[in-house]
Structures are given as C-alpha cells and as structure tokens.
PDB file of N, CA and C in Angstrom:
ATOM      1  N   MET A   1      15.929   1.720   6.706  1.00  0.00           N
ATOM      2  CA  MET A   1      14.670   1.021   6.748  1.00  0.00           C
ATOM      3  C   MET A   1      13.847   1.425   5.526  1.00  0.00           C
ATOM      4  N   ILE A   2      13.532   0.471   4.697  1.00  0.00           N
ATOM      5  CA  ILE A   2      12.776   0.748   3.479  1.00  0.00           C
ATOM      6  C   ILE A   2      11.328   0.337   3.687  1.00  0.00           C
ATOM      7  N   ARG A   3      10.429   1.248   3.378  1.00  0.00           N
ATOM      8  CA  ARG A   3       8.999   0.965   3.449  1.00  0.00           C
ATOM      9  C   ARG A   3       8.391   1.206   2.076  1.00  0.00           C
ATOM     10  N   SER A   4       7.221   0.691   1.896  1.00  0.00           N
ATOM     11  CA  SER A   4       6.533   0.932   0.635  1.00  0.00           C
ATOM     12  C   SER A   4       5.938   2.340   0.634  1.00  0.00           C
ATOM     13  N   HIS A   5       5.641   2.827  -0.521  1.00  0.00           N
ATOM     14  CA  HIS A   5       5.032   4.157  -0.645  1.00  0.00           C
ATOM     15  C   HIS A   5       3.657   4.171   0.008  1.00  0.00           C
ATOM     16  N   PHE A   6       2.931   3.076  -0.153  1.00  0.00           N
ATOM     17  CA  PHE A   6       1.589   3.003   0.429  1.00  0.00           C
ATOM     18  C   PHE A   6       1.660   3.072   1.957  1.00  0.00           C
ATOM     19  N   LEU A   7       2.598   2.348   2.551  1.00  0.00           N
ATOM     20  CA  LEU A   7       2.740   2.387   4.007  1.00  0.00           C
ATOM     21  C   LEU A   7       3.139   3.776   4.484  1.00  0.00           C
ATOM     22  N   ASN A   8       4.028   4.428   3.771  1.00  0.00           N
ATOM     23  CA  ASN A   8       4.398   5.807   4.120  1.00  0.00           C
ATOM     24  C   ASN A   8       3.191   6.735   4.035  1.00  0.00           C
ATOM     25  N   MET A   9       2.357   6.550   3.026  1.00  0.00           N
ATOM     26  CA  MET A   9       1.168   7.380   2.874  1.00  0.00           C
ATOM     27  C   MET A   9       0.193   7.155   4.023  1.00  0.00           C
ATOM     28  N   VAL A  10       0.005   5.894   4.406  1.00  0.00           N
ATOM     29  CA  VAL A  10      -0.917   5.582   5.495  1.00  0.00           C
ATOM     30  C   VAL A  10      -0.395   6.142   6.823  1.00  0.00           C
ATOM     31  N   ILE A  11       0.900   6.026   7.068  1.00  0.00           N
ATOM     32  CA  ILE A  11       1.482   6.571   8.299  1.00  0.00           C
ATOM     33  C   ILE A  11       1.334   8.087   8.329  1.00  0.00           C
ATOM     34  N   PHE A  12       1.613   8.754   7.203  1.00  0.00           N
ATOM     35  CA  PHE A  12       1.465  10.206   7.139  1.00  0.00           C
ATOM     36  C   PHE A  12       0.015  10.619   7.369  1.00  0.00           C
ATOM     37  N   ALA A  13      -0.920   9.938   6.716  1.00  0.00           N
ATOM     38  CA  ALA A  13      -2.342  10.262   6.880  1.00  0.00           C
ATOM     39  C   ALA A  13      -2.773  10.063   8.332  1.00  0.00           C
ATOM     40  N   ALA A  14      -2.299   9.004   8.964  1.00  0.00           N
ATOM     41  CA  ALA A  14      -2.662   8.753  10.360  1.00  0.00           C
ATOM     42  C   ALA A  14      -2.111   9.839  11.280  1.00  0.00           C
ATOM     43  N   LEU A  15      -0.863  10.219  11.072  1.00  0.00           N
ATOM     44  CA  LEU A  15      -0.270  11.252  11.923  1.00  0.00           C
ATOM     45  C   LEU A  15      -0.963  12.599  11.757  1.00  0.00           C
ATOM     46  N   VAL A  16      -1.274  12.964  10.529  1.00  0.00           N
ATOM     47  CA  VAL A  16      -1.972  14.229  10.285  1.00  0.00           C
ATOM     48  C   VAL A  16      -3.377  14.188  10.880  1.00  0.00           C
ATOM     49  N   ALA A  17      -4.064  13.073  10.724  1.00  0.00           N
ATOM     50  CA  ALA A  17      -5.412  12.940  11.271  1.00  0.00           C
ATOM     51  C   ALA A  17      -5.393  13.004  12.801  1.00  0.00           C
ATOM     52  N   ILE A  18      -4.426  12.354  13.416  1.00  0.00           N
ATOM     53  CA  ILE A  18      -4.314  12.397  14.878  1.00  0.00           C
ATOM     54  C   ILE A  18      -4.027  13.820  15.348  1.00  0.00           C
ATOM     55  N   PHE A  19      -3.128  14.504  14.669  1.00  0.00           N
ATOM     56  CA  PHE A  19      -2.800  15.884  15.031  1.00  0.00           C
ATOM     57  C   PHE A  19      -4.032  16.778  14.977  1.00  0.00           C
ATOM     58  N   PHE A  20      -4.767  16.726  13.869  1.00  0.00           N
ATOM     59  CA  PHE A  20      -5.932  17.595  13.735  1.00  0.00           C
ATOM     60  C   PHE A  20      -7.077  17.179  14.656  1.00  0.00           C
ATOM     61  N   ALA A  21      -7.192  15.896  14.949  1.00  0.00           N
ATOM     62  CA  ALA A  21      -8.230  15.454  15.879  1.00  0.00           C
ATOM     63  C   ALA A  21      -7.963  16.008  17.276  1.00  0.00           C
ATOM     64  N   PHE A  22      -6.720  15.944  17.727  1.00  0.00           N
ATOM     65  CA  PHE A  22      -6.395  16.481  19.048  1.00  0.00           C
ATOM     66  C   PHE A  22      -6.427  18.006  19.057  1.00  0.00           C
ATOM     67  N   LEU A  23      -6.195  18.617  17.923  1.00  0.00           N
ATOM     68  CA  LEU A  23      -6.209  20.075  17.843  1.00  0.00           C
ATOM     69  C   LEU A  23      -7.636  20.626  17.877  1.00  0.00           C
ATOM     70  N   THR A  24      -8.581  19.892  17.290  1.00  0.00           N
ATOM     71  CA  THR A  24      -9.922  20.450  17.116  1.00  0.00           C
ATOM     72  C   THR A  24     -11.000  19.856  18.014  1.00  0.00           C
ATOM     73  N   GLN A  25     -10.791  18.667  18.565  1.00  0.00           N
ATOM     74  CA  GLN A  25     -11.843  17.995  19.327  1.00  0.00           C
ATOM     75  C   GLN A  25     -11.441  17.829  20.784  1.00  0.00           C
ATOM     76  N   LYS A  26     -12.459  17.820  21.670  1.00  0.00           N
ATOM     77  CA  LYS A  26     -12.189  17.650  23.098  1.00  0.00           C
ATOM     78  C   LYS A  26     -12.605  16.280  23.606  1.00  0.00           C
ATOM     79  N   GLU A  27     -13.632  15.714  23.050  1.00  0.00           N
ATOM     80  CA  GLU A  27     -14.119  14.406  23.490  1.00  0.00           C
ATOM     81  C   GLU A  27     -13.397  13.277  22.758  1.00  0.00           C
ATOM     82  N   THR A  28     -13.158  12.187  23.468  1.00  0.00           N
ATOM     83  CA  THR A  28     -12.448  11.046  22.875  1.00  0.00           C
ATOM     84  C   THR A  28     -13.216  10.455  21.701  1.00  0.00           C
ATOM     85  N   ARG A  29     -14.525  10.346  21.843  1.00  0.00           N
ATOM     86  CA  ARG A  29     -15.345   9.775  20.769  1.00  0.00           C
ATOM     87  C   ARG A  29     -15.267  10.628  19.502  1.00  0.00           C
ATOM     88  N   ASP A  30     -15.305  11.934  19.668  1.00  0.00           N
ATOM     89  CA  ASP A  30     -15.197  12.834  18.525  1.00  0.00           C
ATOM     90  C   ASP A  30     -13.818  12.758  17.883  1.00  0.00           C
ATOM     91  N   ARG A  31     -12.784  12.608  18.706  1.00  0.00           N
ATOM     92  CA  ARG A  31     -11.427  12.483  18.174  1.00  0.00           C
ATOM     93  C   ARG A  31     -11.284  11.225  17.323  1.00  0.00           C
ATOM     94  N   VAL A  32     -11.800  10.121  17.811  1.00  0.00           N
ATOM     95  CA  VAL A  32     -11.716   8.863  17.056  1.00  0.00           C
ATOM     96  C   VAL A  32     -12.468   8.986  15.738  1.00  0.00           C
ATOM     97  N   ARG A  33     -13.628   9.622  15.781  1.00  0.00           N
ATOM     98  CA  ARG A  33     -14.417   9.807  14.556  1.00  0.00           C
ATOM     99  C   ARG A  33     -13.670  10.660  13.543  1.00  0.00           C
ATOM    100  N   VAL A  34     -13.046  11.737  13.994  1.00  0.00           N
ATOM    101  CA  VAL A  34     -12.286  12.606  13.100  1.00  0.00           C
ATOM    102  C   VAL A  34     -11.074  11.865  12.535  1.00  0.00           C
ATOM    103  N   ILE A  35     -10.389  11.092  13.367  1.00  0.00           N
ATOM    104  CA  ILE A  35      -9.223  10.325  12.903  1.00  0.00           C
ATOM    105  C   ILE A  35      -9.632   9.354  11.807  1.00  0.00           C
ATOM    106  N   LEU A  36     -10.716   8.628  12.014  1.00  0.00           N
ATOM    107  CA  LEU A  36     -11.154   7.652  11.018  1.00  0.00           C
ATOM    108  C   LEU A  36     -11.617   8.317   9.723  1.00  0.00           C
ATOM    109  N   ILE A  37     -12.390   9.375   9.842  1.00  0.00           N
ATOM    110  CA  ILE A  37     -12.907  10.050   8.652  1.00  0.00           C
ATOM    111  C   ILE A  37     -11.788  10.752   7.890  1.00  0.00           C
ATOM    112  N   LEU A  38     -10.967  11.525   8.584  1.00  0.00           N
ATOM    113  CA  LEU A  38      -9.908  12.288   7.921  1.00  0.00           C
ATOM    114  C   LEU A  38      -8.820  11.371   7.374  1.00  0.00           C
ATOM    115  N   GLY A  39      -8.365  10.432   8.180  1.00  0.00           N
ATOM    116  CA  GLY A  39      -7.324   9.508   7.723  1.00  0.00           C
ATOM    117  C   GLY A  39      -7.792   8.644   6.567  1.00  0.00           C
ATOM    118  N   GLY A  40      -9.000   8.120   6.689  1.00  0.00           N
ATOM    119  CA  GLY A  40      -9.545   7.293   5.612  1.00  0.00           C
ATOM    120  C   GLY A  40      -9.762   8.068   4.331  1.00  0.00           C
ATOM    121  N   SER A  41     -10.266   9.278   4.453  1.00  0.00           N
ATOM    122  CA  SER A  41     -10.508  10.073   3.245  1.00  0.00           C
ATOM    123  C   SER A  41      -9.202  10.479   2.569  1.00  0.00           C
ATOM    124  N   MET A  42      -8.150  10.751   3.361  1.00  0.00           N
ATOM    125  CA  MET A  42      -6.859  11.090   2.757  1.00  0.00           C
ATOM    126  C   MET A  42      -6.306   9.924   1.949  1.00  0.00           C
ATOM    127  N   VAL A  43      -6.391   8.715   2.507  1.00  0.00           N
ATOM    128  CA  VAL A  43      -5.876   7.529   1.809  1.00  0.00           C
ATOM    129  C   VAL A  43      -6.710   7.232   0.566  1.00  0.00           C
ATOM    130  N   VAL A  44      -8.023   7.265   0.707  1.00  0.00           N
ATOM    131  CA  VAL A  44      -8.902   6.955  -0.431  1.00  0.00           C
ATOM    132  C   VAL A  44      -8.734   7.983  -1.545  1.00  0.00           C
ATOM    133  N   LEU A  45      -8.691   9.257  -1.205  1.00  0.00           N
ATOM    134  CA  LEU A  45      -8.536  10.288  -2.231  1.00  0.00           C
ATOM    135  C   LEU A  45      -7.177  10.212  -2.916  1.00  0.00           C
ATOM    136  N   ALA A  46      -6.130   9.860  -2.176  1.00  0.00           N
ATOM    137  CA  ALA A  46      -4.811   9.697  -2.795  1.00  0.00           C
ATOM    138  C   ALA A  46      -4.816   8.528  -3.780  1.00  0.00           C
ATOM    139  N   LEU A  47      -5.491   7.440  -3.420  1.00  0.00           N
ATOM    140  CA  LEU A  47      -5.576   6.294  -4.330  1.00  0.00           C
ATOM    141  C   LEU A  47      -6.410   6.622  -5.568  1.00  0.00           C
ATOM    142  N   VAL A  48      -7.478   7.380  -5.395  1.00  0.00           N
ATOM    143  CA  VAL A  48      -8.301   7.797  -6.537  1.00  0.00           C
ATOM    144  C   VAL A  48      -7.494   8.695  -7.468  1.00  0.00           C
ATOM    145  N   MET A  49      -6.747   9.627  -6.893  1.00  0.00           N
ATOM    146  CA  MET A  49      -5.915  10.506  -7.721  1.00  0.00           C
ATOM    147  C   MET A  49      -4.843   9.708  -8.472  1.00  0.00           C
ATOM    148  N   ALA A  50      -4.256   8.726  -7.805  1.00  0.00           N
ATOM    149  CA  ALA A  50      -3.239   7.890  -8.462  1.00  0.00           C
ATOM    150  C   ALA A  50      -3.859   7.096  -9.602  1.00  0.00           C
ATOM    151  N   TYR A  51      -5.060   6.591  -9.390  1.00  0.00           N
ATOM    152  CA  TYR A  51      -5.747   5.823 -10.428  1.00  0.00           C
ATOM    153  C   TYR A  51      -6.081   6.714 -11.633  1.00  0.00           C
ATOM    154  N   VAL A  52      -6.501   7.937 -11.378  1.00  0.00           N
ATOM    155  CA  VAL A  52      -6.840   8.868 -12.466  1.00  0.00           C
ATOM    156  C   VAL A  52      -5.587   9.272 -13.238  1.00  0.00           C
ATOM    157  N   MET A  53      -4.470   9.465 -12.551  1.00  0.00           N
ATOM    158  CA  MET A  53      -3.249   9.917 -13.207  1.00  0.00           C
ATOM    159  C   MET A  53      -2.463   8.774 -13.849  1.00  0.00           C
ATOM    160  N   TYR A  54      -2.779   7.518 -13.550  1.00  0.00           N
ATOM    161  CA  TYR A  54      -2.003   6.379 -14.034  1.00  0.00           C
ATOM    162  C   TYR A  54      -1.881   6.316 -15.553  1.00  0.00           C
ATOM    163  N   PRO A  55      -2.944   6.573 -16.343  1.00  0.00           N
ATOM    164  CA  PRO A  55      -2.804   6.446 -17.801  1.00  0.00           C
ATOM    165  C   PRO A  55      -1.924   7.510 -18.446  1.00  0.00           C
ATOM    166  N   PHE A  56      -1.645   8.603 -17.748  1.00  0.00           N
ATOM    167  CA  PHE A  56      -0.862   9.684 -18.331  1.00  0.00           C
ATOM    168  C   PHE A  56       0.616   9.469 -18.034  1.00  0.00           C
ATOM    169  N   PRO A  57       1.420   9.293 -19.069  1.00  0.00           N
ATOM    170  CA  PRO A  57       2.850   9.058 -18.825  1.00  0.00           C
ATOM    171  C   PRO A  57       3.559  10.331 -18.366  1.00  0.00           C
ATOM    172  N   LEU A  58       4.718  10.129 -17.744  1.00  0.00           N
ATOM    173  CA  LEU A  58       5.499  11.262 -17.271  1.00  0.00           C
ATOM    174  C   LEU A  58       6.086  12.057 -18.431  1.00  0.00           C
ATOM    175  N   ARG A  59       6.487  11.353 -19.488  1.00  0.00           N
ATOM    176  CA  ARG A  59       7.056  12.027 -20.670  1.00  0.00           C
ATOM    177  C   ARG A  59       6.203  11.785 -21.873  1.00  0.00           C
TER     178      ARG A  59
END
C-alpha cells in the first residue's frame, strides 16, 4: 500500500497527538483540544520546515 508522504505525516501526527492527549488529559474536551493543537502544530511546523529547507539542495 503506497501513501503519500504528506498522508503519512498527518497519520503520524494524529497518532502521536492522540497518545499524548490520553496520557496527559482526563476530560474529553481537554483531550480533543490537545489533539487539535498538537496535531495541527506538528503538521504546520513540518510544512514550514520543508518550505525553509526547499531552496537548499542535497548536494
């Protein structure tokens, strides 16, 4: 099964956010808030880093 890199990143960010939300929060509302903030920030920061690194070639 082949997926895009972006989809893999979003799935990873969601799983990590869900794990930490259940690890640190007790209320459902707080868990949802942590999932949205943490998952969204991971995806946005990864895209910002990719955009910053894009002009620099590998070699």
